[in-house]
Amino acid sequence: MTPQLDHLCTSIRSVLSQVQARAQSASVRSASNAETLELALRAEIADLDDRIAANRVALKAAHAQVTEWICAEHADSEPEASPFVAPRSDRALTDRAKAADRYADAMALIATAAVERAAKAALEAAAIHCHCFQSRHIAAGK
C-alpha cells in the first residue's frame, strides 16, 4: 500500500476504535442507568465536536486542494494529455506526482472528517434512543 493509503486506513481505524471503545465503556458502566449513559454519549459527542472544529481550517484547505486537482484534471482531460502516454519532462512528471500526493493527503483528511461526522451522528442517535427510553420509563411510572 502507498503511505497515503496506509495513513488513511490508520486514521479511520483510530477514529472508529476510539469512538467504539468509549461508547462501549460508557454503556458497560451505565447499563442500568439510561441517564448516565446519555450523559456519557453526549460527552463523547462534545469531544467529536471539538475535533471537528479543530480540523475545520485544515478541512477547508483540503477541499481547496481537491478542487485544484479536479480543475487540473479537467484541463488535462484530452486523451493525448495523459501523463503516461504523452511525452513529458521529468520535472512535469515530478510536479504531477507532487500534486497527486497533495490530492491523496487532502482526500484522506476529508475521509477522516467524514468518518468523525458519521460517528457523531451514530452517537447522537444512541443518545436520542437513551432519552426516548428514559422518557418511556418515566411516563410508565418506573
Protein backbone atom coordinates (compact mmCIF):
# COMPACT_ATOMS: atom_id res chain seq x y z
CA MET A 1 0.00 0.00 0.00
CA THR A 2 1.06 3.58 -0.52
CA PRO A 3 1.98 5.71 2.50
CA GLN A 4 -1.10 7.90 1.96
CA LEU A 5 -3.40 4.90 1.89
CA ASP A 6 -1.74 3.44 5.00
CA HIS A 7 -2.20 6.77 6.78
CA LEU A 8 -5.85 6.99 5.70
CA CYS A 9 -6.65 3.48 6.91
CA THR A 10 -4.84 4.08 10.20
CA SER A 11 -6.67 7.36 10.76
CA ILE A 12 -10.07 5.87 10.07
CA ARG A 13 -9.38 2.81 12.25
CA SER A 14 -8.19 5.08 15.04
CA VAL A 15 -11.29 7.29 14.95
CA LEU A 16 -13.66 4.34 14.83
CA SER A 17 -11.92 2.34 17.54
CA GLN A 18 -11.76 5.36 19.89
CA VAL A 19 -15.46 6.09 19.46
CA GLN A 20 -16.40 2.43 19.77
CA ALA A 21 -14.28 1.90 22.89
CA ARG A 22 -15.66 4.99 24.61
CA ALA A 23 -19.25 4.14 23.71
CA GLN A 24 -18.85 0.54 24.90
CA SER A 25 -17.16 1.69 28.09
CA ALA A 26 -19.96 4.15 28.76
CA SER A 27 -22.66 1.56 28.11
CA VAL A 28 -21.00 -1.04 30.35
CA ARG A 29 -20.54 1.45 33.20
CA SER A 30 -24.07 2.70 33.00
CA ALA A 31 -26.13 -0.14 31.59
CA SER A 32 -28.56 0.20 34.48
CA ASN A 33 -28.83 3.96 34.22
CA ALA A 34 -30.03 5.39 30.91
CA GLU A 35 -29.50 8.96 32.11
CA THR A 36 -25.81 8.32 32.88
CA LEU A 37 -25.37 6.60 29.54
CA GLU A 38 -26.97 9.53 27.75
CA LEU A 39 -24.61 11.95 29.53
CA ALA A 40 -21.59 9.80 28.60
CA LEU A 41 -22.71 9.72 24.96
CA ARG A 42 -23.22 13.48 24.96
CA ALA A 43 -19.70 13.95 26.37
CA GLU A 44 -18.31 11.84 23.53
CA ILE A 45 -20.35 13.90 21.05
CA ALA A 46 -18.82 17.07 22.54
CA ASP A 47 -15.32 15.59 22.11
CA LEU A 48 -16.07 14.84 18.47
CA ASP A 49 -17.46 18.35 18.01
CA ASP A 50 -14.19 19.74 19.37
CA ARG A 51 -12.13 17.58 16.98
CA ILE A 52 -14.33 18.57 14.05
CA ALA A 53 -13.99 22.26 14.94
CA ALA A 54 -10.22 21.94 15.37
CA ASN A 55 -9.90 20.42 11.88
CA ARG A 56 -12.19 22.95 10.18
CA VAL A 57 -9.35 25.09 8.75
CA ALA A 58 -7.39 22.03 7.56
CA LEU A 59 -10.55 20.60 6.04
CA LYS A 60 -11.21 23.84 4.16
CA ALA A 61 -7.64 23.72 2.80
CA ALA A 62 -8.15 20.07 1.82
CA HIS A 63 -11.28 20.97 -0.13
CA ALA A 64 -9.26 23.66 -1.95
CA GLN A 65 -6.58 21.07 -2.82
CA VAL A 66 -9.23 18.70 -4.18
CA THR A 67 -10.79 21.49 -6.24
CA GLU A 68 -7.35 22.40 -7.61
CA TRP A 69 -6.72 18.76 -8.56
CA ILE A 70 -10.11 18.42 -10.26
CA CYS A 71 -9.58 21.64 -12.25
CA ALA A 72 -6.14 20.41 -13.35
CA GLU A 73 -7.62 17.04 -14.34
CA HIS A 74 -10.29 18.73 -16.47
CA ALA A 75 -7.62 20.87 -18.13
CA ASP A 76 -5.64 17.71 -18.95
CA SER A 77 -8.67 15.64 -19.94
CA GLU A 78 -7.63 15.26 -23.57
CA PRO A 79 -6.57 11.65 -24.29
CA GLU A 80 -3.15 12.69 -25.54
CA ALA A 81 -2.57 14.66 -22.31
CA SER A 82 -2.29 11.52 -20.17
CA PRO A 83 0.90 11.72 -18.11
CA PHE A 84 1.87 8.19 -19.14
CA VAL A 85 1.13 8.49 -22.86
CA ALA A 86 2.24 11.98 -23.80
CA PRO A 87 5.95 12.65 -23.62
CA ARG A 88 6.67 14.86 -20.61
CA SER A 89 9.78 16.05 -18.91
CA ASP A 90 10.91 14.55 -15.64
CA ARG A 91 10.06 17.85 -13.98
CA ALA A 92 6.49 17.76 -15.31
CA LEU A 93 6.07 14.20 -14.09
CA THR A 94 7.54 15.09 -10.69
CA ASP A 95 5.17 18.07 -10.43
CA ARG A 96 2.24 15.81 -11.27
CA ALA A 97 3.35 13.27 -8.67
CA LYS A 98 3.56 16.01 -6.02
CA ALA A 99 0.09 17.25 -6.98
CA ALA A 100 -1.22 13.68 -6.76
CA ASP A 101 0.33 13.32 -3.29
CA ARG A 102 -1.34 16.56 -2.17
CA TYR A 103 -4.65 15.33 -3.56
CA ALA A 104 -4.31 11.97 -1.80
CA ASP A 105 -3.48 13.68 1.51
CA ALA A 106 -6.42 16.05 1.12
CA MET A 107 -8.83 13.21 0.35
CA ALA A 108 -7.55 11.26 3.36
CA LEU A 109 -8.28 14.26 5.59
CA ILE A 110 -11.75 14.63 4.06
CA ALA A 111 -12.45 10.91 4.52
CA THR A 112 -11.34 11.03 8.16
CA ALA A 113 -13.56 14.06 8.75
CA ALA A 114 -16.47 12.19 7.17
CA VAL A 115 -15.88 9.23 9.50
CA GLU A 116 -15.84 11.59 12.50
CA ARG A 117 -19.12 13.14 11.38
CA ALA A 118 -20.66 9.70 10.84
CA ALA A 119 -19.51 8.61 14.31
CA LYS A 120 -21.04 11.78 15.76
CA ALA A 121 -24.36 11.03 14.03
CA ALA A 122 -24.34 7.46 15.37
CA LEU A 123 -23.65 8.69 18.91
CA GLU A 124 -26.38 11.31 18.59
CA ALA A 125 -28.81 8.59 17.55
CA ALA A 126 -27.78 6.46 20.54
CA ALA A 127 -28.23 9.44 22.90
CA ILE A 128 -31.68 10.11 21.47
CA HIS A 129 -32.62 6.45 21.91
CA CYS A 130 -31.48 6.66 25.55
CA HIS A 131 -33.53 9.80 26.04
CA CYS A 132 -36.61 8.17 24.50
CA PHE A 133 -36.08 5.04 26.61
CA GLN A 134 -35.86 7.22 29.70
CA SER A 135 -38.98 9.17 28.75
CA ARG A 136 -40.99 5.98 28.23
CA HIS A 137 -39.94 4.63 31.62
CA ILE A 138 -40.79 7.91 33.36
CA ALA A 139 -44.18 8.02 31.61
CA ALA A 140 -44.82 4.41 32.62
CA GLY A 141 -44.01 5.29 36.23
CA LYS A 142 -40.97 3.04 36.52
